[in-house]
Amino acid sequence: MEEKYFLNDKINTVVTEGQITKSPIIVIDGVLFQYDEKLDTVKLPLTKKDMYLLTFLNKKTAGVIYGKIGKRGAVLISTKPNPN
Protein backbone atom coordinates (compact mmCIF):
# COMPACT_ATOMS: atom_id res chain seq x y z
CA MET A 1 0.00 0.00 0.00
CA GLU A 2 2.89 2.39 0.71
CA GLU A 3 3.93 2.17 -2.95
CA LYS A 4 0.48 3.16 -4.18
CA TYR A 5 0.11 6.29 -2.03
CA PHE A 6 3.74 7.47 -1.88
CA LEU A 7 3.29 10.44 -4.20
CA ASN A 8 -0.11 11.34 -2.78
CA ASP A 9 1.33 11.46 0.75
CA LYS A 10 4.22 13.68 -0.36
CA ILE A 11 1.84 16.06 -2.19
CA ASN A 12 -0.47 16.25 0.84
CA THR A 13 2.47 17.25 3.04
CA VAL A 14 3.37 20.15 0.73
CA VAL A 15 -0.31 21.15 0.43
CA THR A 16 -0.52 21.33 4.23
CA GLU A 17 2.49 23.68 4.20
CA GLY A 18 0.59 25.94 1.76
CA GLN A 19 3.17 25.78 -1.02
CA ILE A 20 0.83 24.18 -3.57
CA THR A 21 -2.90 23.52 -3.85
CA LYS A 22 -4.57 20.11 -3.80
CA SER A 23 -4.59 20.21 -7.61
CA PRO A 24 -1.00 20.89 -8.70
CA ILE A 25 0.18 20.24 -12.22
CA ILE A 26 2.32 17.15 -12.66
CA VAL A 27 5.35 17.20 -14.96
CA ILE A 28 7.30 13.99 -15.59
CA ASP A 29 10.61 14.35 -17.41
CA GLY A 30 9.33 17.59 -18.95
CA VAL A 31 5.95 16.17 -20.05
CA LEU A 32 2.85 17.80 -18.54
CA PHE A 33 0.22 15.32 -17.39
CA GLN A 34 -3.45 16.17 -17.50
CA TYR A 35 -5.18 16.52 -14.17
CA ASP A 36 -8.78 15.28 -13.99
CA GLU A 37 -10.61 17.74 -11.73
CA LYS A 38 -13.80 15.64 -11.69
CA LEU A 39 -11.93 12.63 -10.34
CA ASP A 40 -9.44 14.77 -8.38
CA THR A 41 -6.67 12.53 -9.69
CA VAL A 42 -4.03 12.06 -12.31
CA LYS A 43 -2.89 8.66 -13.53
CA LEU A 44 0.87 8.44 -13.69
CA PRO A 45 2.69 5.89 -15.82
CA LEU A 46 5.30 5.09 -13.18
CA THR A 47 5.87 3.57 -9.77
CA LYS A 48 7.82 4.76 -6.74
CA LYS A 49 10.90 2.83 -7.88
CA ASP A 50 10.85 4.69 -11.24
CA MET A 51 11.17 8.08 -9.52
CA TYR A 52 14.63 9.56 -9.26
CA LEU A 53 13.95 13.13 -8.17
CA LEU A 54 10.80 14.77 -6.84
CA THR A 55 10.66 18.58 -6.82
CA PHE A 56 7.82 20.86 -5.76
CA LEU A 57 7.38 24.34 -7.24
CA ASN A 58 5.30 26.70 -5.15
CA LYS A 59 2.31 28.48 -6.67
CA LYS A 60 4.20 31.65 -7.53
CA THR A 61 7.19 29.95 -9.17
CA ALA A 62 5.06 27.45 -11.08
CA GLY A 63 2.83 30.32 -12.26
CA VAL A 64 5.83 32.14 -13.70
CA ILE A 65 7.07 29.03 -15.51
CA TYR A 66 3.79 27.41 -16.62
CA GLY A 67 1.44 30.40 -16.74
CA LYS A 68 -2.18 30.14 -15.65
CA ILE A 69 -2.13 26.37 -15.22
CA GLY A 70 0.87 26.61 -12.90
CA LYS A 71 -0.82 28.86 -10.37
CA ARG A 72 -1.85 25.78 -8.37
CA GLY A 73 1.78 24.75 -7.94
CA ALA A 74 3.69 21.99 -9.67
CA VAL A 75 5.18 18.61 -8.94
CA LEU A 76 8.21 17.85 -11.10
CA ILE A 77 9.23 14.22 -11.34
CA SER A 78 12.45 13.01 -12.90
CA THR A 79 12.69 9.31 -13.59
CA LYS A 80 15.74 7.14 -13.22
CA PRO A 81 17.98 7.14 -16.27
CA ASN A 82 17.55 4.12 -18.50
CA PRO A 83 20.71 2.00 -18.18
CA ASN A 84 20.44 0.82 -21.82
PDB file of N, CA and C in Angstrom:
ATOM      1  N   MET A   1       0.811  -1.192   0.000  1.00  0.00           N
ATOM      2  CA  MET A   1       0.000   0.000   0.000  1.00  0.00           C
ATOM      3  C   MET A   1       0.859   1.262   0.000  1.00  0.00           C
ATOM      4  N   GLU A   2       2.009   1.223   0.655  1.00  0.00           N
ATOM      5  CA  GLU A   2       2.890   2.386   0.706  1.00  0.00           C
ATOM      6  C   GLU A   2       3.283   2.835  -0.702  1.00  0.00           C
ATOM      7  N   GLU A   3       3.556   1.868  -1.569  1.00  0.00           N
ATOM      8  CA  GLU A   3       3.929   2.166  -2.952  1.00  0.00           C
ATOM      9  C   GLU A   3       2.838   2.960  -3.658  1.00  0.00           C
ATOM     10  N   LYS A   4       1.596   2.555  -3.472  1.00  0.00           N
ATOM     11  CA  LYS A   4       0.477   3.165  -4.177  1.00  0.00           C
ATOM     12  C   LYS A   4       0.250   4.618  -3.773  1.00  0.00           C
ATOM     13  N   TYR A   5       0.439   4.944  -2.520  1.00  0.00           N
ATOM     14  CA  TYR A   5       0.111   6.286  -2.028  1.00  0.00           C
ATOM     15  C   TYR A   5       1.327   7.161  -1.754  1.00  0.00           C
ATOM     16  N   PHE A   6       2.511   6.720  -2.142  1.00  0.00           N
ATOM     17  CA  PHE A   6       3.741   7.466  -1.882  1.00  0.00           C
ATOM     18  C   PHE A   6       3.660   8.905  -2.374  1.00  0.00           C
ATOM     19  N   LEU A   7       3.336   9.095  -3.633  1.00  0.00           N
ATOM     20  CA  LEU A   7       3.293  10.438  -4.201  1.00  0.00           C
ATOM     21  C   LEU A   7       2.163  11.264  -3.584  1.00  0.00           C
ATOM     22  N   ASN A   8       1.027  10.653  -3.381  1.00  0.00           N
ATOM     23  CA  ASN A   8      -0.107  11.337  -2.780  1.00  0.00           C
ATOM     24  C   ASN A   8       0.246  11.855  -1.383  1.00  0.00           C
ATOM     25  N   ASP A   9       0.921  11.051  -0.591  1.00  0.00           N
ATOM     26  CA  ASP A   9       1.327  11.465   0.750  1.00  0.00           C
ATOM     27  C   ASP A   9       2.298  12.641   0.697  1.00  0.00           C
ATOM     28  N   LYS A  10       3.253  12.584  -0.216  1.00  0.00           N
ATOM     29  CA  LYS A  10       4.221  13.682  -0.360  1.00  0.00           C
ATOM     30  C   LYS A  10       3.515  14.970  -0.772  1.00  0.00           C
ATOM     31  N   ILE A  11       2.585  14.874  -1.733  1.00  0.00           N
ATOM     32  CA  ILE A  11       1.844  16.056  -2.190  1.00  0.00           C
ATOM     33  C   ILE A  11       1.017  16.623  -1.037  1.00  0.00           C
ATOM     34  N   ASN A  12       0.351  15.775  -0.283  1.00  0.00           N
ATOM     35  CA  ASN A  12      -0.468  16.254   0.837  1.00  0.00           C
ATOM     36  C   ASN A  12       0.366  16.998   1.875  1.00  0.00           C
ATOM     37  N   THR A  13       1.590  16.564   2.104  1.00  0.00           N
ATOM     38  CA  THR A  13       2.472  17.252   3.039  1.00  0.00           C
ATOM     39  C   THR A  13       2.762  18.667   2.557  1.00  0.00           C
ATOM     40  N   VAL A  14       3.053  18.825   1.282  1.00  0.00           N
ATOM     41  CA  VAL A  14       3.371  20.148   0.727  1.00  0.00           C
ATOM     42  C   VAL A  14       2.114  21.021   0.667  1.00  0.00           C
ATOM     43  N   VAL A  15       0.962  20.419   0.412  1.00  0.00           N
ATOM     44  CA  VAL A  15      -0.312  21.150   0.428  1.00  0.00           C
ATOM     45  C   VAL A  15      -0.549  21.717   1.823  1.00  0.00           C
ATOM     46  N   THR A  16      -0.331  20.901   2.840  1.00  0.00           N
ATOM     47  CA  THR A  16      -0.516  21.332   4.225  1.00  0.00           C
ATOM     48  C   THR A  16       0.377  22.524   4.559  1.00  0.00           C
ATOM     49  N   GLU A  17       1.559  22.563   3.973  1.00  0.00           N
ATOM     50  CA  GLU A  17       2.485  23.679   4.196  1.00  0.00           C
ATOM     51  C   GLU A  17       2.075  24.925   3.415  1.00  0.00           C
ATOM     52  N   GLY A  18       1.080  24.805   2.520  1.00  0.00           N
ATOM     53  CA  GLY A  18       0.585  25.943   1.762  1.00  0.00           C
ATOM     54  C   GLY A  18       1.399  26.317   0.535  1.00  0.00           C
ATOM     55  N   GLN A  19       2.335  25.470   0.137  1.00  0.00           N
ATOM     56  CA  GLN A  19       3.171  25.776  -1.022  1.00  0.00           C
ATOM     57  C   GLN A  19       2.454  25.533  -2.345  1.00  0.00           C
ATOM     58  N   ILE A  20       1.593  24.503  -2.366  1.00  0.00           N
ATOM     59  CA  ILE A  20       0.830  24.175  -3.566  1.00  0.00           C
ATOM     60  C   ILE A  20      -0.617  23.933  -3.155  1.00  0.00           C
ATOM     61  N   THR A  21      -1.509  23.847  -4.139  1.00  0.00           N
ATOM     62  CA  THR A  21      -2.902  23.521  -3.847  1.00  0.00           C
ATOM     63  C   THR A  21      -3.091  22.011  -3.959  1.00  0.00           C
ATOM     64  N   LYS A  22      -4.287  21.544  -3.687  1.00  0.00           N
ATOM     65  CA  LYS A  22      -4.566  20.109  -3.802  1.00  0.00           C
ATOM     66  C   LYS A  22      -4.584  19.637  -5.249  1.00  0.00           C
ATOM     67  N   SER A  23      -4.530  20.555  -6.189  1.00  0.00           N
ATOM     68  CA  SER A  23      -4.592  20.206  -7.609  1.00  0.00           C
ATOM     69  C   SER A  23      -3.392  20.755  -8.368  1.00  0.00           C
ATOM     70  N   PRO A  24      -2.159  20.372  -7.984  1.00  0.00           N
ATOM     71  CA  PRO A  24      -0.998  20.894  -8.702  1.00  0.00           C
ATOM     72  C   PRO A  24      -0.870  20.251 -10.078  1.00  0.00           C
ATOM     73  N   ILE A  25      -0.117  20.899 -10.948  1.00  0.00           N
ATOM     74  CA  ILE A  25       0.176  20.238 -12.218  1.00  0.00           C
ATOM     75  C   ILE A  25       1.288  19.225 -11.966  1.00  0.00           C
ATOM     76  N   ILE A  26       1.324  18.203 -12.777  1.00  0.00           N
ATOM     77  CA  ILE A  26       2.322  17.147 -12.662  1.00  0.00           C
ATOM     78  C   ILE A  26       3.140  17.140 -13.945  1.00  0.00           C
ATOM     79  N   VAL A  27       4.460  17.207 -13.801  1.00  0.00           N
ATOM     80  CA  VAL A  27       5.353  17.196 -14.960  1.00  0.00           C
ATOM     81  C   VAL A  27       6.363  16.068 -14.749  1.00  0.00           C
ATOM     82  N   ILE A  28       6.365  15.119 -15.682  1.00  0.00           N
ATOM     83  CA  ILE A  28       7.297  13.993 -15.593  1.00  0.00           C
ATOM     84  C   ILE A  28       8.276  14.083 -16.754  1.00  0.00           C
ATOM     85  N   ASP A  29       9.547  14.233 -16.405  1.00  0.00           N
ATOM     86  CA  ASP A  29      10.609  14.354 -17.415  1.00  0.00           C
ATOM     87  C   ASP A  29      10.247  15.387 -18.480  1.00  0.00           C
ATOM     88  N   GLY A  30       9.659  16.496 -18.046  1.00  0.00           N
ATOM     89  CA  GLY A  30       9.326  17.590 -18.953  1.00  0.00           C
ATOM     90  C   GLY A  30       7.977  17.477 -19.637  1.00  0.00           C
ATOM     91  N   VAL A  31       7.250  16.374 -19.418  1.00  0.00           N
ATOM     92  CA  VAL A  31       5.951  16.173 -20.054  1.00  0.00           C
ATOM     93  C   VAL A  31       4.845  16.478 -19.040  1.00  0.00           C
ATOM     94  N   LEU A  32       3.962  17.401 -19.392  1.00  0.00           N
ATOM     95  CA  LEU A  32       2.854  17.799 -18.538  1.00  0.00           C
ATOM     96  C   LEU A  32       1.751  16.752 -18.605  1.00  0.00           C
ATOM     97  N   PHE A  33       1.293  16.292 -17.440  1.00  0.00           N
ATOM     98  CA  PHE A  33       0.221  15.316 -17.386  1.00  0.00           C
ATOM     99  C   PHE A  33      -1.076  16.007 -17.039  1.00  0.00           C
ATOM    100  N   GLN A  34      -2.132  15.567 -17.666  1.00  0.00           N
ATOM    101  CA  GLN A  34      -3.447  16.174 -17.497  1.00  0.00           C
ATOM    102  C   GLN A  34      -4.059  15.767 -16.166  1.00  0.00           C
ATOM    103  N   TYR A  35      -4.518  16.748 -15.442  1.00  0.00           N
ATOM    104  CA  TYR A  35      -5.185  16.525 -14.167  1.00  0.00           C
ATOM    105  C   TYR A  35      -6.681  16.430 -14.420  1.00  0.00           C
ATOM    106  N   ASP A  36      -7.345  15.452 -13.835  1.00  0.00           N
ATOM    107  CA  ASP A  36      -8.779  15.284 -13.993  1.00  0.00           C
ATOM    108  C   ASP A  36      -9.478  15.842 -12.759  1.00  0.00           C
ATOM    109  N   GLU A  37      -9.994  17.075 -12.875  1.00  0.00           N
ATOM    110  CA  GLU A  37     -10.607  17.736 -11.725  1.00  0.00           C
ATOM    111  C   GLU A  37     -11.841  16.997 -11.221  1.00  0.00           C
ATOM    112  N   LYS A  38     -12.603  16.366 -12.116  1.00  0.00           N
ATOM    113  CA  LYS A  38     -13.799  15.640 -11.686  1.00  0.00           C
ATOM    114  C   LYS A  38     -13.436  14.458 -10.791  1.00  0.00           C
ATOM    115  N   LEU A  39     -12.362  13.780 -11.128  1.00  0.00           N
ATOM    116  CA  LEU A  39     -11.934  12.634 -10.337  1.00  0.00           C
ATOM    117  C   LEU A  39     -10.934  13.023  -9.253  1.00  0.00           C
ATOM    118  N   ASP A  40     -10.451  14.272  -9.307  1.00  0.00           N
ATOM    119  CA  ASP A  40      -9.439  14.767  -8.379  1.00  0.00           C
ATOM    120  C   ASP A  40      -8.224  13.833  -8.376  1.00  0.00           C
ATOM    121  N   THR A  41      -7.791  13.461  -9.584  1.00  0.00           N
ATOM    122  CA  THR A  41      -6.671  12.534  -9.688  1.00  0.00           C
ATOM    123  C   THR A  41      -5.946  12.706 -11.018  1.00  0.00           C
ATOM    124  N   VAL A  42      -4.779  12.162 -11.068  1.00  0.00           N
ATOM    125  CA  VAL A  42      -4.025  12.062 -12.312  1.00  0.00           C
ATOM    126  C   VAL A  42      -3.389  10.674 -12.309  1.00  0.00           C
ATOM    127  N   LYS A  43      -3.498   9.983 -13.427  1.00  0.00           N
ATOM    128  CA  LYS A  43      -2.890   8.656 -13.533  1.00  0.00           C
ATOM    129  C   LYS A  43      -1.470   8.825 -14.050  1.00  0.00           C
ATOM    130  N   LEU A  44      -0.529   8.313 -13.301  1.00  0.00           N
ATOM    131  CA  LEU A  44       0.869   8.436 -13.685  1.00  0.00           C
ATOM    132  C   LEU A  44       1.403   7.096 -14.168  1.00  0.00           C
ATOM    133  N   PRO A  45       2.178   7.131 -15.243  1.00  0.00           N
ATOM    134  CA  PRO A  45       2.691   5.885 -15.818  1.00  0.00           C
ATOM    135  C   PRO A  45       3.991   5.415 -15.171  1.00  0.00           C
ATOM    136  N   LEU A  46       4.079   5.509 -13.840  1.00  0.00           N
ATOM    137  CA  LEU A  46       5.304   5.087 -13.180  1.00  0.00           C
ATOM    138  C   LEU A  46       5.016   4.658 -11.745  1.00  0.00           C
ATOM    139  N   THR A  47       5.989   4.012 -11.159  1.00  0.00           N
ATOM    140  CA  THR A  47       5.871   3.574  -9.773  1.00  0.00           C
ATOM    141  C   THR A  47       6.919   4.309  -8.940  1.00  0.00           C
ATOM    142  N   LYS A  48       6.871   4.114  -7.649  1.00  0.00           N
ATOM    143  CA  LYS A  48       7.820   4.760  -6.744  1.00  0.00           C
ATOM    144  C   LYS A  48       9.264   4.450  -7.141  1.00  0.00           C
ATOM    145  N   LYS A  49       9.524   3.212  -7.531  1.00  0.00           N
ATOM    146  CA  LYS A  49      10.900   2.835  -7.877  1.00  0.00           C
ATOM    147  C   LYS A  49      11.387   3.491  -9.164  1.00  0.00           C
ATOM    148  N   ASP A  50      10.459   3.992 -10.010  1.00  0.00           N
ATOM    149  CA  ASP A  50      10.846   4.692 -11.239  1.00  0.00           C
ATOM    150  C   ASP A  50      11.298   6.130 -10.966  1.00  0.00           C
ATOM    151  N   MET A  51      10.885   6.675  -9.825  1.00  0.00           N
ATOM    152  CA  MET A  51      11.168   8.080  -9.524  1.00  0.00           C
ATOM    153  C   MET A  51      12.605   8.261  -9.054  1.00  0.00           C
ATOM    154  N   TYR A  52      13.255   9.248  -9.624  1.00  0.00           N
ATOM    155  CA  TYR A  52      14.630   9.558  -9.261  1.00  0.00           C
ATOM    156  C   TYR A  52      14.682  10.826  -8.414  1.00  0.00           C
ATOM    157  N   LEU A  53      13.941  11.844  -8.850  1.00  0.00           N
ATOM    158  CA  LEU A  53      13.951  13.130  -8.167  1.00  0.00           C
ATOM    159  C   LEU A  53      12.546  13.705  -8.161  1.00  0.00           C
ATOM    160  N   LEU A  54      12.121  14.184  -7.012  1.00  0.00           N
ATOM    161  CA  LEU A  54      10.799  14.772  -6.839  1.00  0.00           C
ATOM    162  C   LEU A  54      10.995  16.206  -6.359  1.00  0.00           C
ATOM    163  N   THR A  55      10.491  17.168  -7.147  1.00  0.00           N
ATOM    164  CA  THR A  55      10.655  18.578  -6.824  1.00  0.00           C
ATOM    165  C   THR A  55       9.297  19.255  -6.825  1.00  0.00           C
ATOM    166  N   PHE A  56       9.074  20.111  -5.834  1.00  0.00           N
ATOM    167  CA  PHE A  56       7.823  20.860  -5.763  1.00  0.00           C
ATOM    168  C   PHE A  56       8.106  22.320  -6.069  1.00  0.00           C
ATOM    169  N   LEU A  57       7.301  22.902  -6.963  1.00  0.00           N
ATOM    170  CA  LEU A  57       7.385  24.341  -7.236  1.00  0.00           C
ATOM    171  C   LEU A  57       6.180  24.996  -6.591  1.00  0.00           C
ATOM    172  N   ASN A  58       6.428  26.036  -5.795  1.00  0.00           N
ATOM    173  CA  ASN A  58       5.304  26.704  -5.151  1.00  0.00           C
ATOM    174  C   ASN A  58       4.441  27.401  -6.191  1.00  0.00           C
ATOM    175  N   LYS A  59       3.287  27.895  -5.752  1.00  0.00           N
ATOM    176  CA  LYS A  59       2.306  28.480  -6.670  1.00  0.00           C
ATOM    177  C   LYS A  59       2.882  29.641  -7.477  1.00  0.00           C
ATOM    178  N   LYS A  60       3.653  30.486  -6.840  1.00  0.00           N
ATOM    179  CA  LYS A  60       4.204  31.654  -7.534  1.00  0.00           C
ATOM    180  C   LYS A  60       5.224  31.241  -8.609  1.00  0.00           C
ATOM    181  N   THR A  61       6.161  30.392  -8.224  1.00  0.00           N
ATOM    182  CA  THR A  61       7.194  29.954  -9.173  1.00  0.00           C
ATOM    183  C   THR A  61       6.591  29.174 -10.333  1.00  0.00           C
ATOM    184  N   ALA A  62       5.691  28.247 -10.028  1.00  0.00           N
ATOM    185  CA  ALA A  62       5.060  27.455 -11.081  1.00  0.00           C
ATOM    186  C   ALA A  62       4.229  28.341 -12.002  1.00  0.00           C
ATOM    187  N   GLY A  63       3.601  29.380 -11.449  1.00  0.00           N
ATOM    188  CA  GLY A  63       2.827  30.319 -12.264  1.00  0.00           C
ATOM    189  C   GLY A  63       3.701  31.077 -13.249  1.00  0.00           C
ATOM    190  N   VAL A  64       4.896  31.439 -12.806  1.00  0.00           N
ATOM    191  CA  VAL A  64       5.826  32.140 -13.702  1.00  0.00           C
ATOM    192  C   VAL A  64       6.277  31.220 -14.836  1.00  0.00           C
ATOM    193  N   ILE A  65       6.558  29.975 -14.506  1.00  0.00           N
ATOM    194  CA  ILE A  65       7.071  29.030 -15.509  1.00  0.00           C
ATOM    195  C   ILE A  65       5.974  28.491 -16.423  1.00  0.00           C
ATOM    196  N   TYR A  66       4.834  28.099 -15.853  1.00  0.00           N
ATOM    197  CA  TYR A  66       3.788  27.413 -16.623  1.00  0.00           C
ATOM    198  C   TYR A  66       2.560  28.266 -16.913  1.00  0.00           C
ATOM    199  N   GLY A  67       2.574  29.517 -16.473  1.00  0.00           N
ATOM    200  CA  GLY A  67       1.438  30.395 -16.742  1.00  0.00           C
ATOM    201  C   GLY A  67       0.241  30.064 -15.868  1.00  0.00           C
ATOM    202  N   LYS A  68      -0.935  30.305 -16.407  1.00  0.00           N
ATOM    203  CA  LYS A  68      -2.183  30.142 -15.652  1.00  0.00           C
ATOM    204  C   LYS A  68      -2.327  28.756 -15.023  1.00  0.00           C
ATOM    205  N   ILE A  69      -1.963  27.721 -15.759  1.00  0.00           N
ATOM    206  CA  ILE A  69      -2.132  26.370 -15.216  1.00  0.00           C
ATOM    207  C   ILE A  69      -1.170  26.078 -14.063  1.00  0.00           C
ATOM    208  N   GLY A  70      -0.105  26.833 -13.958  1.00  0.00           N
ATOM    209  CA  GLY A  70       0.868  26.612 -12.896  1.00  0.00           C
ATOM    210  C   GLY A  70       0.529  27.297 -11.590  1.00  0.00           C
ATOM    211  N   LYS A  71      -0.496  28.101 -11.578  1.00  0.00           N
ATOM    212  CA  LYS A  71      -0.822  28.865 -10.372  1.00  0.00           C
ATOM    213  C   LYS A  71      -1.295  27.998  -9.210  1.00  0.00           C
ATOM    214  N   ARG A  72      -1.484  26.717  -9.449  1.00  0.00           N
ATOM    215  CA  ARG A  72      -1.851  25.785  -8.371  1.00  0.00           C
ATOM    216  C   ARG A  72      -0.612  25.139  -7.759  1.00  0.00           C
ATOM    217  N   GLY A  73       0.543  25.403  -8.358  1.00  0.00           N
ATOM    218  CA  GLY A  73       1.776  24.752  -7.940  1.00  0.00           C
ATOM    219  C   GLY A  73       2.096  23.618  -8.905  1.00  0.00           C
ATOM    220  N   ALA A  74       3.280  23.058  -8.756  1.00  0.00           N
ATOM    221  CA  ALA A  74       3.686  21.991  -9.668  1.00  0.00           C
ATOM    222  C   ALA A  74       4.512  20.943  -8.942  1.00  0.00           C
ATOM    223  N   VAL A  75       4.364  19.718  -9.403  1.00  0.00           N
ATOM    224  CA  VAL A  75       5.175  18.610  -8.937  1.00  0.00           C
ATOM    225  C   VAL A  75       5.993  18.154 -10.137  1.00  0.00           C
ATOM    226  N   LEU A  76       7.311  18.270 -10.022  1.00  0.00           N
ATOM    227  CA  LEU A  76       8.209  17.849 -11.100  1.00  0.00           C
ATOM    228  C   LEU A  76       8.821  16.509 -10.706  1.00  0.00           C
ATOM    229  N   ILE A  77       8.693  15.550 -11.593  1.00  0.00           N
ATOM    230  CA  ILE A  77       9.226  14.217 -11.336  1.00  0.00           C
ATOM    231  C   ILE A  77      10.246  13.884 -12.414  1.00  0.00           C
ATOM    232  N   SER A  78      11.430  13.515 -11.979  1.00  0.00           N
ATOM    233  CA  SER A  78      12.454  13.014 -12.900  1.00  0.00           C
ATOM    234  C   SER A  78      12.566  11.518 -12.655  1.00  0.00           C
ATOM    235  N   THR A  79      12.583  10.761 -13.735  1.00  0.00           N
ATOM    236  CA  THR A  79      12.692   9.314 -13.587  1.00  0.00           C
ATOM    237  C   THR A  79      14.151   8.892 -13.652  1.00  0.00           C
ATOM    238  N   LYS A  80      14.387   7.676 -13.218  1.00  0.00           N
ATOM    239  CA  LYS A  80      15.744   7.145 -13.223  1.00  0.00           C
ATOM    240  C   LYS A  80      16.205   6.982 -14.662  1.00  0.00           C
ATOM    241  N   PRO A  81      17.464   7.319 -14.909  1.00  0.00           N
ATOM    242  CA  PRO A  81      17.976   7.139 -16.274  1.00  0.00           C
ATOM    243  C   PRO A  81      17.911   5.686 -16.700  1.00  0.00           C
ATOM    244  N   ASN A  82      17.601   5.468 -17.958  1.00  0.00           N
ATOM    245  CA  ASN A  82      17.546   4.125 -18.502  1.00  0.00           C
ATOM    246  C   ASN A  82      18.964   3.613 -18.695  1.00  0.00           C
ATOM    247  N   PRO A  83      19.334   2.491 -18.094  1.00  0.00           N
ATOM    248  CA  PRO A  83      20.713   1.999 -18.183  1.00  0.00           C
ATOM    249  C   PRO A  83      21.079   1.460 -19.559  1.00  0.00           C
ATOM    250  N   ASN A  84      20.140   1.370 -20.481  1.00  0.00           N
ATOM    251  CA  ASN A  84      20.443   0.818 -21.820  1.00  0.00           C
ATOM    252  C   ASN A  84      21.286   1.750 -22.615  1.00  0.00           C
TER     253      ASN A  84
END
